[in-house]
Amino acid sequence: MSNIIRIKNASFYAYHGAMTEEQSIGGKFEVDVDIYTDFTEAAKNDDLKKTINYKDVYNFTKKIVNEKKYYLIETIAKVLADKILSHYDIASKVAVRVRKNNVPIGGVIDCVEVEVIEENGK
């Protein structure tokens, strides 16, 4: 059985971007994380220890987004996906979406979003 633990629209102020101004002024970034796992046993027994604690995933995501500056949101999404899969053994698959608001492209858009989907090779 596959269940999904989903974190939507986690917002962070960070200093990512290819332009010097983006890395010094910063901006708002949003992250969605979908973790595919089986939490049947956890739900049956109402036991947090048998599932993935989404508070821990949020804090883990926050740490990754804020610990270093990246040029590309593609890199942030890939690093997050890889680290979440390796950190949480009961995750079989993860999808990470990273959105960047206020993108300096010379036009009006809401945001730019990338998505990385990784599966555990076990």
PDB file of N, CA and C in Angstrom:
ATOM      1  N   MET A   1       0.847  -1.180   0.000  1.00  0.00           N
ATOM      2  CA  MET A   1       0.000   0.000   0.000  1.00  0.00           C
ATOM      3  C   MET A   1       0.886   1.235   0.000  1.00  0.00           C
ATOM      4  N   SER A   2       0.441   2.257  -0.674  1.00  0.00           N
ATOM      5  CA  SER A   2       1.189   3.512  -0.714  1.00  0.00           C
ATOM      6  C   SER A   2       0.299   4.641  -0.194  1.00  0.00           C
ATOM      7  N   ASN A   3       0.823   5.366   0.756  1.00  0.00           N
ATOM      8  CA  ASN A   3       0.168   6.539   1.301  1.00  0.00           C
ATOM      9  C   ASN A   3       1.077   7.735   1.040  1.00  0.00           C
ATOM     10  N   ILE A   4       0.519   8.919   1.147  1.00  0.00           N
ATOM     11  CA  ILE A   4       1.317  10.124   0.914  1.00  0.00           C
ATOM     12  C   ILE A   4       1.212  11.061   2.110  1.00  0.00           C
ATOM     13  N   ILE A   5       2.362  11.504   2.571  1.00  0.00           N
ATOM     14  CA  ILE A   5       2.435  12.580   3.550  1.00  0.00           C
ATOM     15  C   ILE A   5       2.843  13.805   2.740  1.00  0.00           C
ATOM     16  N   ARG A   6       2.038  14.841   2.793  1.00  0.00           N
ATOM     17  CA  ARG A   6       2.240  15.992   1.908  1.00  0.00           C
ATOM     18  C   ARG A   6       2.391  17.275   2.718  1.00  0.00           C
ATOM     19  N   ILE A   7       3.472  17.987   2.454  1.00  0.00           N
ATOM     20  CA  ILE A   7       3.667  19.326   3.005  1.00  0.00           C
ATOM     21  C   ILE A   7       3.497  20.281   1.838  1.00  0.00           C
ATOM     22  N   LYS A   8       2.593  21.245   1.985  1.00  0.00           N
ATOM     23  CA  LYS A   8       2.308  22.167   0.887  1.00  0.00           C
ATOM     24  C   LYS A   8       2.644  23.599   1.284  1.00  0.00           C
ATOM     25  N   ASN A   9       3.326  24.244   0.378  1.00  0.00           N
ATOM     26  CA  ASN A   9       3.564  25.678   0.476  1.00  0.00           C
ATOM     27  C   ASN A   9       4.361  26.105   1.715  1.00  0.00           C
ATOM     28  N   ALA A  10       5.365  25.336   2.076  1.00  0.00           N
ATOM     29  CA  ALA A  10       6.271  25.774   3.141  1.00  0.00           C
ATOM     30  C   ALA A  10       7.059  26.955   2.593  1.00  0.00           C
ATOM     31  N   SER A  11       6.984  28.089   3.255  1.00  0.00           N
ATOM     32  CA  SER A  11       7.598  29.319   2.740  1.00  0.00           C
ATOM     33  C   SER A  11       8.854  29.678   3.522  1.00  0.00           C
ATOM     34  N   PHE A  12       9.866  30.098   2.775  1.00  0.00           N
ATOM     35  CA  PHE A  12      11.153  30.460   3.372  1.00  0.00           C
ATOM     36  C   PHE A  12      11.690  31.712   2.684  1.00  0.00           C
ATOM     37  N   TYR A  13      12.333  32.547   3.452  1.00  0.00           N
ATOM     38  CA  TYR A  13      13.064  33.661   2.878  1.00  0.00           C
ATOM     39  C   TYR A  13      14.504  33.202   2.787  1.00  0.00           C
ATOM     40  N   ALA A  14      15.049  33.190   1.566  1.00  0.00           N
ATOM     41  CA  ALA A  14      16.398  32.660   1.371  1.00  0.00           C
ATOM     42  C   ALA A  14      17.119  33.461   0.297  1.00  0.00           C
ATOM     43  N   TYR A  15      18.370  33.108   0.044  1.00  0.00           N
ATOM     44  CA  TYR A  15      19.254  33.897  -0.810  1.00  0.00           C
ATOM     45  C   TYR A  15      19.787  33.073  -1.972  1.00  0.00           C
ATOM     46  N   HIS A  16      18.883  32.590  -2.804  1.00  0.00           N
ATOM     47  CA  HIS A  16      19.246  31.761  -3.949  1.00  0.00           C
ATOM     48  C   HIS A  16      19.030  32.534  -5.240  1.00  0.00           C
ATOM     49  N   GLY A  17      19.824  32.215  -6.236  1.00  0.00           N
ATOM     50  CA  GLY A  17      19.653  32.819  -7.550  1.00  0.00           C
ATOM     51  C   GLY A  17      20.973  32.968  -8.270  1.00  0.00           C
ATOM     52  N   ALA A  18      20.901  33.081  -9.577  1.00  0.00           N
ATOM     53  CA  ALA A  18      22.102  33.212 -10.399  1.00  0.00           C
ATOM     54  C   ALA A  18      22.641  34.641 -10.394  1.00  0.00           C
ATOM     55  N   MET A  19      21.798  35.590 -10.057  1.00  0.00           N
ATOM     56  CA  MET A  19      22.235  36.991 -10.052  1.00  0.00           C
ATOM     57  C   MET A  19      22.737  37.391  -8.666  1.00  0.00           C
ATOM     58  N   THR A  20      23.761  38.221  -8.637  1.00  0.00           N
ATOM     59  CA  THR A  20      24.351  38.682  -7.379  1.00  0.00           C
ATOM     60  C   THR A  20      23.308  39.328  -6.476  1.00  0.00           C
ATOM     61  N   GLU A  21      22.406  40.105  -7.078  1.00  0.00           N
ATOM     62  CA  GLU A  21      21.376  40.793  -6.296  1.00  0.00           C
ATOM     63  C   GLU A  21      20.473  39.799  -5.567  1.00  0.00           C
ATOM     64  N   GLU A  22      20.144  38.695  -6.237  1.00  0.00           N
ATOM     65  CA  GLU A  22      19.281  37.687  -5.617  1.00  0.00           C
ATOM     66  C   GLU A  22      19.958  37.062  -4.405  1.00  0.00           C
ATOM     67  N   GLN A  23      21.269  36.875  -4.493  1.00  0.00           N
ATOM     68  CA  GLN A  23      21.995  36.255  -3.393  1.00  0.00           C
ATOM     69  C   GLN A  23      22.289  37.225  -2.252  1.00  0.00           C
ATOM     70  N   SER A  24      22.153  38.519  -2.501  1.00  0.00           N
ATOM     71  CA  SER A  24      22.377  39.475  -1.415  1.00  0.00           C
ATOM     72  C   SER A  24      21.067  40.014  -0.840  1.00  0.00           C
ATOM     73  N   ILE A  25      20.055  40.225  -1.689  1.00  0.00           N
ATOM     74  CA  ILE A  25      18.766  40.745  -1.218  1.00  0.00           C
ATOM     75  C   ILE A  25      17.853  39.621  -0.732  1.00  0.00           C
ATOM     76  N   GLY A  26      17.892  38.496  -1.430  1.00  0.00           N
ATOM     77  CA  GLY A  26      17.059  37.356  -1.069  1.00  0.00           C
ATOM     78  C   GLY A  26      15.660  37.459  -1.618  1.00  0.00           C
ATOM     79  N   GLY A  27      14.860  36.450  -1.314  1.00  0.00           N
ATOM     80  CA  GLY A  27      13.480  36.422  -1.776  1.00  0.00           C
ATOM     81  C   GLY A  27      12.720  35.263  -1.165  1.00  0.00           C
ATOM     82  N   LYS A  28      11.445  35.195  -1.506  1.00  0.00           N
ATOM     83  CA  LYS A  28      10.563  34.161  -0.968  1.00  0.00           C
ATOM     84  C   LYS A  28      10.616  32.913  -1.853  1.00  0.00           C
ATOM     85  N   PHE A  29      10.769  31.781  -1.204  1.00  0.00           N
ATOM     86  CA  PHE A  29      10.754  30.488  -1.869  1.00  0.00           C
ATOM     87  C   PHE A  29       9.709  29.618  -1.190  1.00  0.00           C
ATOM     88  N   GLU A  30       9.025  28.812  -1.974  1.00  0.00           N
ATOM     89  CA  GLU A  30       8.016  27.900  -1.441  1.00  0.00           C
ATOM     90  C   GLU A  30       8.378  26.477  -1.837  1.00  0.00           C
ATOM     91  N   VAL A  31       8.103  25.550  -0.923  1.00  0.00           N
ATOM     92  CA  VAL A  31       8.459  24.153  -1.145  1.00  0.00           C
ATOM     93  C   VAL A  31       7.260  23.265  -0.823  1.00  0.00           C
ATOM     94  N   ASP A  32       6.999  22.311  -1.719  1.00  0.00           N
ATOM     95  CA  ASP A  32       6.039  21.229  -1.474  1.00  0.00           C
ATOM     96  C   ASP A  32       6.829  19.935  -1.420  1.00  0.00           C
ATOM     97  N   VAL A  33       6.467  19.073  -0.489  1.00  0.00           N
ATOM     98  CA  VAL A  33       7.113  17.770  -0.384  1.00  0.00           C
ATOM     99  C   VAL A  33       6.023  16.710  -0.284  1.00  0.00           C
ATOM    100  N   ASP A  34       6.052  15.742  -1.198  1.00  0.00           N
ATOM    101  CA  ASP A  34       5.161  14.585  -1.148  1.00  0.00           C
ATOM    102  C   ASP A  34       6.011  13.366  -0.847  1.00  0.00           C
ATOM    103  N   ILE A  35       5.746  12.730   0.281  1.00  0.00           N
ATOM    104  CA  ILE A  35       6.506  11.536   0.663  1.00  0.00           C
ATOM    105  C   ILE A  35       5.584  10.329   0.565  1.00  0.00           C
ATOM    106  N   TYR A  36       5.960   9.391  -0.283  1.00  0.00           N
ATOM    107  CA  TYR A  36       5.201   8.165  -0.481  1.00  0.00           C
ATOM    108  C   TYR A  36       5.745   7.122   0.482  1.00  0.00           C
ATOM    109  N   THR A  37       4.862   6.596   1.296  1.00  0.00           N
ATOM    110  CA  THR A  37       5.244   5.647   2.328  1.00  0.00           C
ATOM    111  C   THR A  37       4.029   4.783   2.646  1.00  0.00           C
ATOM    112  N   ASP A  38       4.177   3.895   3.574  1.00  0.00           N
ATOM    113  CA  ASP A  38       3.040   3.103   4.045  1.00  0.00           C
ATOM    114  C   ASP A  38       2.860   3.402   5.526  1.00  0.00           C
ATOM    115  N   PHE A  39       1.845   4.194   5.849  1.00  0.00           N
ATOM    116  CA  PHE A  39       1.598   4.511   7.259  1.00  0.00           C
ATOM    117  C   PHE A  39       0.383   3.770   7.819  1.00  0.00           C
ATOM    118  N   THR A  40       0.049   2.650   7.200  1.00  0.00           N
ATOM    119  CA  THR A  40      -1.098   1.855   7.645  1.00  0.00           C
ATOM    120  C   THR A  40      -0.969   1.440   9.109  1.00  0.00           C
ATOM    121  N   GLU A  41       0.187   0.921   9.464  1.00  0.00           N
ATOM    122  CA  GLU A  41       0.417   0.458  10.838  1.00  0.00           C
ATOM    123  C   GLU A  41       0.374   1.635  11.817  1.00  0.00           C
ATOM    124  N   ALA A  42       0.938   2.749  11.442  1.00  0.00           N
ATOM    125  CA  ALA A  42       0.919   3.942  12.306  1.00  0.00           C
ATOM    126  C   ALA A  42      -0.514   4.408  12.539  1.00  0.00           C
ATOM    127  N   ALA A  43      -1.319   4.436  11.470  1.00  0.00           N
ATOM    128  CA  ALA A  43      -2.712   4.879  11.590  1.00  0.00           C
ATOM    129  C   ALA A  43      -3.527   3.893  12.425  1.00  0.00           C
ATOM    130  N   LYS A  44      -3.275   2.617  12.206  1.00  0.00           N
ATOM    131  CA  LYS A  44      -4.005   1.576  12.941  1.00  0.00           C
ATOM    132  C   LYS A  44      -3.768   1.684  14.449  1.00  0.00           C
ATOM    133  N   ASN A  45      -2.515   1.982  14.813  1.00  0.00           N
ATOM    134  CA  ASN A  45      -2.151   2.043  16.230  1.00  0.00           C
ATOM    135  C   ASN A  45      -2.024   3.472  16.767  1.00  0.00           C
ATOM    136  N   ASP A  46      -2.298   4.468  15.910  1.00  0.00           N
ATOM    137  CA  ASP A  46      -2.178   5.875  16.295  1.00  0.00           C
ATOM    138  C   ASP A  46      -0.800   6.136  16.903  1.00  0.00           C
ATOM    139  N   ASP A  47       0.258   5.688  16.182  1.00  0.00           N
ATOM    140  CA  ASP A  47       1.619   5.702  16.697  1.00  0.00           C
ATOM    141  C   ASP A  47       2.538   6.512  15.779  1.00  0.00           C
ATOM    142  N   LEU A  48       2.944   7.676  16.250  1.00  0.00           N
ATOM    143  CA  LEU A  48       3.810   8.565  15.471  1.00  0.00           C
ATOM    144  C   LEU A  48       5.152   7.923  15.134  1.00  0.00           C
ATOM    145  N   LYS A  49       5.625   7.026  15.979  1.00  0.00           N
ATOM    146  CA  LYS A  49       6.925   6.387  15.751  1.00  0.00           C
ATOM    147  C   LYS A  49       6.923   5.452  14.547  1.00  0.00           C
ATOM    148  N   LYS A  50       5.740   5.096  14.035  1.00  0.00           N
ATOM    149  CA  LYS A  50       5.659   4.170  12.902  1.00  0.00           C
ATOM    150  C   LYS A  50       5.377   4.888  11.583  1.00  0.00           C
ATOM    151  N   THR A  51       5.560   6.203  11.589  1.00  0.00           N
ATOM    152  CA  THR A  51       5.369   6.981  10.373  1.00  0.00           C
ATOM    153  C   THR A  51       6.465   8.034  10.295  1.00  0.00           C
ATOM    154  N   ILE A  52       6.351   8.929   9.347  1.00  0.00           N
ATOM    155  CA  ILE A  52       7.310  10.018   9.185  1.00  0.00           C
ATOM    156  C   ILE A  52       6.685  11.275   9.782  1.00  0.00           C
ATOM    157  N   ASN A  53       7.378  11.849  10.743  1.00  0.00           N
ATOM    158  CA  ASN A  53       6.877  13.035  11.432  1.00  0.00           C
ATOM    159  C   ASN A  53       7.034  14.249  10.510  1.00  0.00           C
ATOM    160  N   TYR A  54       5.922  14.842  10.100  1.00  0.00           N
ATOM    161  CA  TYR A  54       5.994  15.941   9.134  1.00  0.00           C
ATOM    162  C   TYR A  54       6.629  17.191   9.730  1.00  0.00           C
ATOM    163  N   LYS A  55       6.604  17.339  11.051  1.00  0.00           N
ATOM    164  CA  LYS A  55       7.312  18.459  11.681  1.00  0.00           C
ATOM    165  C   LYS A  55       8.814  18.308  11.453  1.00  0.00           C
ATOM    166  N   ASP A  56       9.320  17.098  11.581  1.00  0.00           N
ATOM    167  CA  ASP A  56      10.737  16.834  11.326  1.00  0.00           C
ATOM    168  C   ASP A  56      11.092  17.098   9.866  1.00  0.00           C
ATOM    169  N   VAL A  57      10.200  16.705   8.946  1.00  0.00           N
ATOM    170  CA  VAL A  57      10.438  16.939   7.517  1.00  0.00           C
ATOM    171  C   VAL A  57      10.476  18.439   7.234  1.00  0.00           C
ATOM    172  N   TYR A  58       9.564  19.185   7.835  1.00  0.00           N
ATOM    173  CA  TYR A  58       9.565  20.640   7.662  1.00  0.00           C
ATOM    174  C   TYR A  58      10.884  21.239   8.151  1.00  0.00           C
ATOM    175  N   ASN A  59      11.303  20.870   9.355  1.00  0.00           N
ATOM    176  CA  ASN A  59      12.550  21.402   9.914  1.00  0.00           C
ATOM    177  C   ASN A  59      13.758  20.988   9.080  1.00  0.00           C
ATOM    178  N   PHE A  60      13.750  19.768   8.578  1.00  0.00           N
ATOM    179  CA  PHE A  60      14.802  19.262   7.702  1.00  0.00           C
ATOM    180  C   PHE A  60      14.846  20.088   6.415  1.00  0.00           C
ATOM    181  N   THR A  61      13.678  20.361   5.842  1.00  0.00           N
ATOM    182  CA  THR A  61      13.569  21.161   4.618  1.00  0.00           C
ATOM    183  C   THR A  61      14.075  22.579   4.869  1.00  0.00           C
ATOM    184  N   LYS A  62      13.652  23.173   5.962  1.00  0.00           N
ATOM    185  CA  LYS A  62      14.077  24.531   6.324  1.00  0.00           C
ATOM    186  C   LYS A  62      15.600  24.614   6.436  1.00  0.00           C
ATOM    187  N   LYS A  63      16.192  23.603   7.057  1.00  0.00           N
ATOM    188  CA  LYS A  63      17.647  23.575   7.229  1.00  0.00           C
ATOM    189  C   LYS A  63      18.347  23.544   5.874  1.00  0.00           C
ATOM    190  N   ILE A  64      17.891  22.681   4.980  1.00  0.00           N
ATOM    191  CA  ILE A  64      18.509  22.553   3.656  1.00  0.00           C
ATOM    192  C   ILE A  64      18.363  23.854   2.866  1.00  0.00           C
ATOM    193  N   VAL A  65      17.169  24.439   2.876  1.00  0.00           N
ATOM    194  CA  VAL A  65      16.914  25.663   2.111  1.00  0.00           C
ATOM    195  C   VAL A  65      17.768  26.825   2.626  1.00  0.00           C
ATOM    196  N   ASN A  66      18.032  26.853   3.921  1.00  0.00           N
ATOM    197  CA  ASN A  66      18.730  28.002   4.511  1.00  0.00           C
ATOM    198  C   ASN A  66      20.215  27.797   4.788  1.00  0.00           C
ATOM    199  N   GLU A  67      20.727  26.567   4.662  1.00  0.00           N
ATOM    200  CA  GLU A  67      22.110  26.350   5.079  1.00  0.00           C
ATOM    201  C   GLU A  67      23.145  26.828   4.071  1.00  0.00           C
ATOM    202  N   LYS A  68      22.765  26.979   2.802  1.00  0.00           N
ATOM    203  CA  LYS A  68      23.717  27.430   1.804  1.00  0.00           C
ATOM    204  C   LYS A  68      22.987  28.100   0.660  1.00  0.00           C
ATOM    205  N   LYS A  69      23.706  28.935  -0.089  1.00  0.00           N
ATOM    206  CA  LYS A  69      23.127  29.619  -1.253  1.00  0.00           C
ATOM    207  C   LYS A  69      23.319  28.768  -2.494  1.00  0.00           C
ATOM    208  N   TYR A  70      22.250  28.657  -3.282  1.00  0.00           N
ATOM    209  CA  TYR A  70      22.307  27.924  -4.549  1.00  0.00           C
ATOM    210  C   TYR A  70      21.985  28.883  -5.686  1.00  0.00           C
ATOM    211  N   TYR A  71      22.573  28.626  -6.838  1.00  0.00           N
ATOM    212  CA  TYR A  71      22.233  29.394  -8.034  1.00  0.00           C
ATOM    213  C   TYR A  71      20.882  28.948  -8.593  1.00  0.00           C
ATOM    214  N   LEU A  72      20.594  27.655  -8.511  1.00  0.00           N
ATOM    215  CA  LEU A  72      19.424  27.084  -9.181  1.00  0.00           C
ATOM    216  C   LEU A  72      18.424  26.482  -8.194  1.00  0.00           C
ATOM    217  N   ILE A  73      17.126  26.737  -8.442  1.00  0.00           N
ATOM    218  CA  ILE A  73      16.103  26.056  -7.644  1.00  0.00           C
ATOM    219  C   ILE A  73      16.064  24.576  -8.020  1.00  0.00           C
ATOM    220  N   GLU A  74      16.547  24.244  -9.194  1.00  0.00           N
ATOM    221  CA  GLU A  74      16.654  22.843  -9.601  1.00  0.00           C
ATOM    222  C   GLU A  74      17.573  22.085  -8.636  1.00  0.00           C
ATOM    223  N   THR A  75      18.654  22.729  -8.241  1.00  0.00           N
ATOM    224  CA  THR A  75      19.599  22.114  -7.305  1.00  0.00           C
ATOM    225  C   THR A  75      18.960  21.927  -5.936  1.00  0.00           C
ATOM    226  N   ILE A  76      18.243  22.932  -5.478  1.00  0.00           N
ATOM    227  CA  ILE A  76      17.572  22.834  -4.170  1.00  0.00           C
ATOM    228  C   ILE A  76      16.608  21.648  -4.171  1.00  0.00           C
ATOM    229  N   ALA A  77      15.793  21.521  -5.213  1.00  0.00           N
ATOM    230  CA  ALA A  77      14.815  20.430  -5.298  1.00  0.00           C
ATOM    231  C   ALA A  77      15.503  19.070  -5.321  1.00  0.00           C
ATOM    232  N   LYS A  78      16.583  18.950  -6.080  1.00  0.00           N
ATOM    233  CA  LYS A  78      17.311  17.673  -6.183  1.00  0.00           C
ATOM    234  C   LYS A  78      17.966  17.303  -4.857  1.00  0.00           C
ATOM    235  N   VAL A  79      18.609  18.270  -4.223  1.00  0.00           N
ATOM    236  CA  VAL A  79      19.249  18.023  -2.924  1.00  0.00           C
ATOM    237  C   VAL A  79      18.206  17.605  -1.894  1.00  0.00           C
ATOM    238  N   LEU A  80      17.085  18.321  -1.850  1.00  0.00           N
ATOM    239  CA  LEU A  80      16.022  17.966  -0.900  1.00  0.00           C
ATOM    240  C   LEU A  80      15.499  16.557  -1.147  1.00  0.00           C
ATOM    241  N   ALA A  81      15.191  16.237  -2.390  1.00  0.00           N
ATOM    242  CA  ALA A  81      14.651  14.906  -2.716  1.00  0.00           C
ATOM    243  C   ALA A  81      15.629  13.814  -2.302  1.00  0.00           C
ATOM    244  N   ASP A  82      16.894  13.966  -2.672  1.00  0.00           N
ATOM    245  CA  ASP A  82      17.904  12.955  -2.346  1.00  0.00           C
ATOM    246  C   ASP A  82      18.086  12.792  -0.840  1.00  0.00           C
ATOM    247  N   LYS A  83      18.159  13.913  -0.133  1.00  0.00           N
ATOM    248  CA  LYS A  83      18.407  13.848   1.315  1.00  0.00           C
ATOM    249  C   LYS A  83      17.195  13.317   2.081  1.00  0.00           C
ATOM    250  N   ILE A  84      15.999  13.665   1.649  1.00  0.00           N
ATOM    251  CA  ILE A  84      14.800  13.143   2.316  1.00  0.00           C
ATOM    252  C   ILE A  84      14.721  11.635   2.128  1.00  0.00           C
ATOM    253  N   LEU A  85      14.962  11.165   0.905  1.00  0.00           N
ATOM    254  CA  LEU A  85      14.917   9.715   0.652  1.00  0.00           C
ATOM    255  C   LEU A  85      15.972   8.969   1.446  1.00  0.00           C
ATOM    256  N   SER A  86      17.165   9.521   1.537  1.00  0.00           N
ATOM    257  CA  SER A  86      18.219   8.817   2.269  1.00  0.00           C
ATOM    258  C   SER A  86      18.021   8.900   3.780  1.00  0.00           C
ATOM    259  N   HIS A  87      17.375   9.959   4.249  1.00  0.00           N
ATOM    260  CA  HIS A  87      17.168  10.152   5.697  1.00  0.00           C
ATOM    261  C   HIS A  87      16.002   9.324   6.245  1.00  0.00           C
ATOM    262  N   TYR A  88      14.968   9.136   5.441  1.00  0.00           N
ATOM    263  CA  TYR A  88      13.768   8.428   5.905  1.00  0.00           C
ATOM    264  C   TYR A  88      13.650   7.088   5.169  1.00  0.00           C
ATOM    265  N   ASP A  89      14.083   6.035   5.844  1.00  0.00           N
ATOM    266  CA  ASP A  89      14.119   4.700   5.244  1.00  0.00           C
ATOM    267  C   ASP A  89      12.754   4.192   4.789  1.00  0.00           C
ATOM    268  N   ILE A  90      11.687   4.603   5.457  1.00  0.00           N
ATOM    269  CA  ILE A  90      10.366   4.070   5.095  1.00  0.00           C
ATOM    270  C   ILE A  90       9.720   4.834   3.938  1.00  0.00           C
ATOM    271  N   ALA A  91      10.420   5.841   3.425  1.00  0.00           N
ATOM    272  CA  ALA A  91       9.920   6.561   2.245  1.00  0.00           C
ATOM    273  C   ALA A  91      10.311   5.764   0.992  1.00  0.00           C
ATOM    274  N   SER A  92       9.325   5.472   0.153  1.00  0.00           N
ATOM    275  CA  SER A  92       9.616   4.741  -1.077  1.00  0.00           C
ATOM    276  C   SER A  92       9.809   5.672  -2.266  1.00  0.00           C
ATOM    277  N   LYS A  93       9.245   6.863  -2.173  1.00  0.00           N
ATOM    278  CA  LYS A  93       9.298   7.824  -3.262  1.00  0.00           C
ATOM    279  C   LYS A  93       9.066   9.211  -2.682  1.00  0.00           C
ATOM    280  N   VAL A  94       9.646  10.212  -3.322  1.00  0.00           N
ATOM    281  CA  VAL A  94       9.439  11.588  -2.884  1.00  0.00           C
ATOM    282  C   VAL A  94       9.324  12.485  -4.113  1.00  0.00           C
ATOM    283  N   ALA A  95       8.430  13.445  -4.010  1.00  0.00           N
ATOM    284  CA  ALA A  95       8.306  14.488  -5.033  1.00  0.00           C
ATOM    285  C   ALA A  95       8.501  15.823  -4.324  1.00  0.00           C
ATOM    286  N   VAL A  96       9.416  16.625  -4.840  1.00  0.00           N
ATOM    287  CA  VAL A  96       9.715  17.925  -4.250  1.00  0.00           C
ATOM    288  C   VAL A  96       9.507  18.995  -5.317  1.00  0.00           C
ATOM    289  N   ARG A  97       8.720  19.999  -4.969  1.00  0.00           N
ATOM    290  CA  ARG A  97       8.514  21.149  -5.841  1.00  0.00           C
ATOM    291  C   ARG A  97       9.055  22.388  -5.129  1.00  0.00           C
ATOM    292  N   VAL A  98       9.839  23.168  -5.847  1.00  0.00           N
ATOM    293  CA  VAL A  98      10.370  24.416  -5.306  1.00  0.00           C
ATOM    294  C   VAL A  98       9.907  25.540  -6.219  1.00  0.00           C
ATOM    295  N   ARG A  99       9.307  26.559  -5.596  1.00  0.00           N
ATOM    296  CA  ARG A  99       8.828  27.729  -6.330  1.00  0.00           C
ATOM    297  C   ARG A  99       9.615  28.963  -5.913  1.00  0.00           C
ATOM    298  N   LYS A 100       9.934  29.765  -6.922  1.00  0.00           N
ATOM    299  CA  LYS A 100      10.624  31.026  -6.687  1.00  0.00           C
ATOM    300  C   LYS A 100       9.696  32.141  -7.133  1.00  0.00           C
ATOM    301  N   ASN A 101       9.405  33.047  -6.225  1.00  0.00           N
ATOM    302  CA  ASN A 101       8.557  34.201  -6.512  1.00  0.00           C
ATOM    303  C   ASN A 101       9.427  35.391  -6.916  1.00  0.00           C
ATOM    304  N   ASN A 102       8.815  36.373  -7.531  1.00  0.00           N
ATOM    305  CA  ASN A 102       9.534  37.595  -7.920  1.00  0.00           C
ATOM    306  C   ASN A 102      10.782  37.299  -8.746  1.00  0.00           C
ATOM    307  N   VAL A 103      10.591  36.530  -9.787  1.00  0.00           N
ATOM    308  CA  VAL A 103      11.699  36.128 -10.646  1.00  0.00           C
ATOM    309  C   VAL A 103      12.076  37.286 -11.575  1.00  0.00           C
ATOM    310  N   PRO A 104      13.367  37.657 -11.601  1.00  0.00           N
ATOM    311  CA  PRO A 104      13.792  38.782 -12.432  1.00  0.00           C
ATOM    312  C   PRO A 104      13.958  38.384 -13.905  1.00  0.00           C
ATOM    313  N   ILE A 105      12.831  38.285 -14.624  1.00  0.00           N
ATOM    314  CA  ILE A 105      12.908  37.870 -16.029  1.00  0.00           C
ATOM    315  C   ILE A 105      12.436  38.955 -16.986  1.00  0.00           C
ATOM    316  N   GLY A 106      12.065  40.095 -16.468  1.00  0.00           N
ATOM    317  CA  GLY A 106      11.621  41.182 -17.324  1.00  0.00           C
ATOM    318  C   GLY A 106      10.184  41.050 -17.782  1.00  0.00           C
ATOM    319  N   GLY A 107       9.394  40.264 -17.049  1.00  0.00           N
ATOM    320  CA  GLY A 107       7.983  40.081 -17.370  1.00  0.00           C
ATOM    321  C   GLY A 107       7.196  39.806 -16.104  1.00  0.00           C
ATOM    322  N   VAL A 108       5.908  39.704 -16.245  1.00  0.00           N
ATOM    323  CA  VAL A 108       5.047  39.476 -15.087  1.00  0.00           C
ATOM    324  C   VAL A 108       4.622  38.012 -15.051  1.00  0.00           C
ATOM    325  N   ILE A 109       5.018  37.313 -13.998  1.00  0.00           N
ATOM    326  CA  ILE A 109       4.604  35.928 -13.747  1.00  0.00           C
ATOM    327  C   ILE A 109       4.410  35.760 -12.247  1.00  0.00           C
ATOM    328  N   ASP A 110       3.649  34.752 -11.869  1.00  0.00           N
ATOM    329  CA  ASP A 110       3.472  34.468 -10.442  1.00  0.00           C
ATOM    330  C   ASP A 110       4.753  33.899  -9.837  1.00  0.00           C
ATOM    331  N   CYS A 111       5.300  32.893 -10.502  1.00  0.00           N
ATOM    332  CA  CYS A 111       6.480  32.213  -9.972  1.00  0.00           C
ATOM    333  C   CYS A 111       7.049  31.278 -11.031  1.00  0.00           C
ATOM    334  N   VAL A 112       8.196  30.725 -10.716  1.00  0.00           N
ATOM    335  CA  VAL A 112       8.778  29.645 -11.502  1.00  0.00           C
ATOM    336  C   VAL A 112       8.858  28.449 -10.557  1.00  0.00           C
ATOM    337  N   GLU A 113       8.507  27.269 -11.077  1.00  0.00           N
ATOM    338  CA  GLU A 113       8.489  26.062 -10.240  1.00  0.00           C
ATOM    339  C   GLU A 113       9.240  24.937 -10.936  1.00  0.00           C
ATOM    340  N   VAL A 114       9.992  24.180 -10.143  1.00  0.00           N
ATOM    341  CA  VAL A 114      10.627  22.961 -10.634  1.00  0.00           C
ATOM    342  C   VAL A 114      10.157  21.801  -9.766  1.00  0.00           C
ATOM    343  N   GLU A 115      10.219  20.608 -10.331  1.00  0.00           N
ATOM    344  CA  GLU A 115       9.816  19.421  -9.585  1.00  0.00           C
ATOM    345  C   GLU A 115      10.822  18.307  -9.815  1.00  0.00           C
ATOM    346  N   VAL A 116      11.177  17.633  -8.742  1.00  0.00           N
ATOM    347  CA  VAL A 116      12.053  16.462  -8.791  1.00  0.00           C
ATOM    348  C   VAL A 116      11.293  15.307  -8.155  1.00  0.00           C
ATOM    349  N   ILE A 117      11.256  14.180  -8.847  1.00  0.00           N
ATOM    350  CA  ILE A 117      10.643  12.969  -8.323  1.00  0.00           C
ATOM    351  C   ILE A 117      11.723  11.899  -8.268  1.00  0.00           C
ATOM    352  N   GLU A 118      11.929  11.355  -7.088  1.00  0.00           N
ATOM    353  CA  GLU A 118      12.951  10.323  -6.879  1.00  0.00           C
ATOM    354  C   GLU A 118      12.304   9.115  -6.211  1.00  0.00           C
ATOM    355  N   GLU A 119      12.753   7.934  -6.576  1.00  0.00           N
ATOM    356  CA  GLU A 119      12.285   6.710  -5.944  1.00  0.00           C
ATOM    357  C   GLU A 119      13.431   6.021  -5.249  1.00  0.00           C
ATOM    358  N   ASN A 120      13.102   5.390  -4.136  1.00  0.00           N
ATOM    359  CA  ASN A 120      14.100   4.647  -3.380  1.00  0.00           C
ATOM    360  C   ASN A 120      14.431   3.383  -4.147  1.00  0.00           C
ATOM    361  N   GLY A 121      15.685   3.105  -4.337  1.00  0.00           N
ATOM    362  CA  GLY A 121      16.112   1.953  -5.118  1.00  0.00           C
ATOM    363  C   GLY A 121      16.094   0.637  -4.367  1.00  0.00           C
ATOM    364  N   LYS A 122      15.516   0.615  -3.193  1.00  0.00           N
ATOM    365  CA  LYS A 122      15.498  -0.628  -2.388  1.00  0.00           C
ATOM    366  C   LYS A 122      14.584  -1.650  -2.980  1.00  0.00           C
TER     367      LYS A 122
END
